[in-house]
Amino acid sequence: TSVSVQLAASIARASGHATLLVDADMRAPDIHRLLGVEKSPGLADVLAQQATLDEAINTNWSSSVHVLAAGRRGVSPYSLLGNGNLEPLLRELAERYAYVVIDTPPVLACAESMILAKAADVTLICARRDVSRMDQVHKATERLGVTGARLAGLVLVGVPSRIYSYRYGRYRFQE
């Protein structure tokens, strides 16, 4: 989730375009808490046709990063994503925003991650240092490949910057 938030902010800053951050982890949503925005109405409400996009998208958090929180829990996220409303929703989001960053549940934990990955332009896998095992990363990569998702890369999180930071050592500029 933190990678999604930081990625959306970085894209917005670098591109100069408003970027939409979507919390599609409807089982364990967290973006609303991290950013201090309302959880509902959100994605679940829009997919269930209980709210419009205009009602659900929060533009108050930042002028450059808009937020579509997860929304109300109730119906199975898998059912919501498979009800036929996802594709039209993503098309509308693509018309409104140059960039849409979707935070999903873990690939190996929830089937809805596969639906979202297949619908996305590109997918990133996030793995946590000293927690994620290589066999899990390989399995996640294989599952994404089977769905036809386009894997853009892997982000290793939880790496202490003091250990792996680039060091100049004795290297210095000469006059």
Foldseek 3Di string as FASTA:
>chain_A
DVCLVVVQVVCLVVVVWAEEEAELALVDWDPCVVQVHDQPPADLCVLVVNDPPVVQWACPSDVRYIYGHNHDDDDDSVCSLPVPVPLVVVVVVVVVGVYYRYDYDAQVPDPVVLSVQLSDPEDEAEDEPPPDDPVNVVVSVVSNVVSVGHYPYYHYPPDPCVVPPDDCVPDDDDD
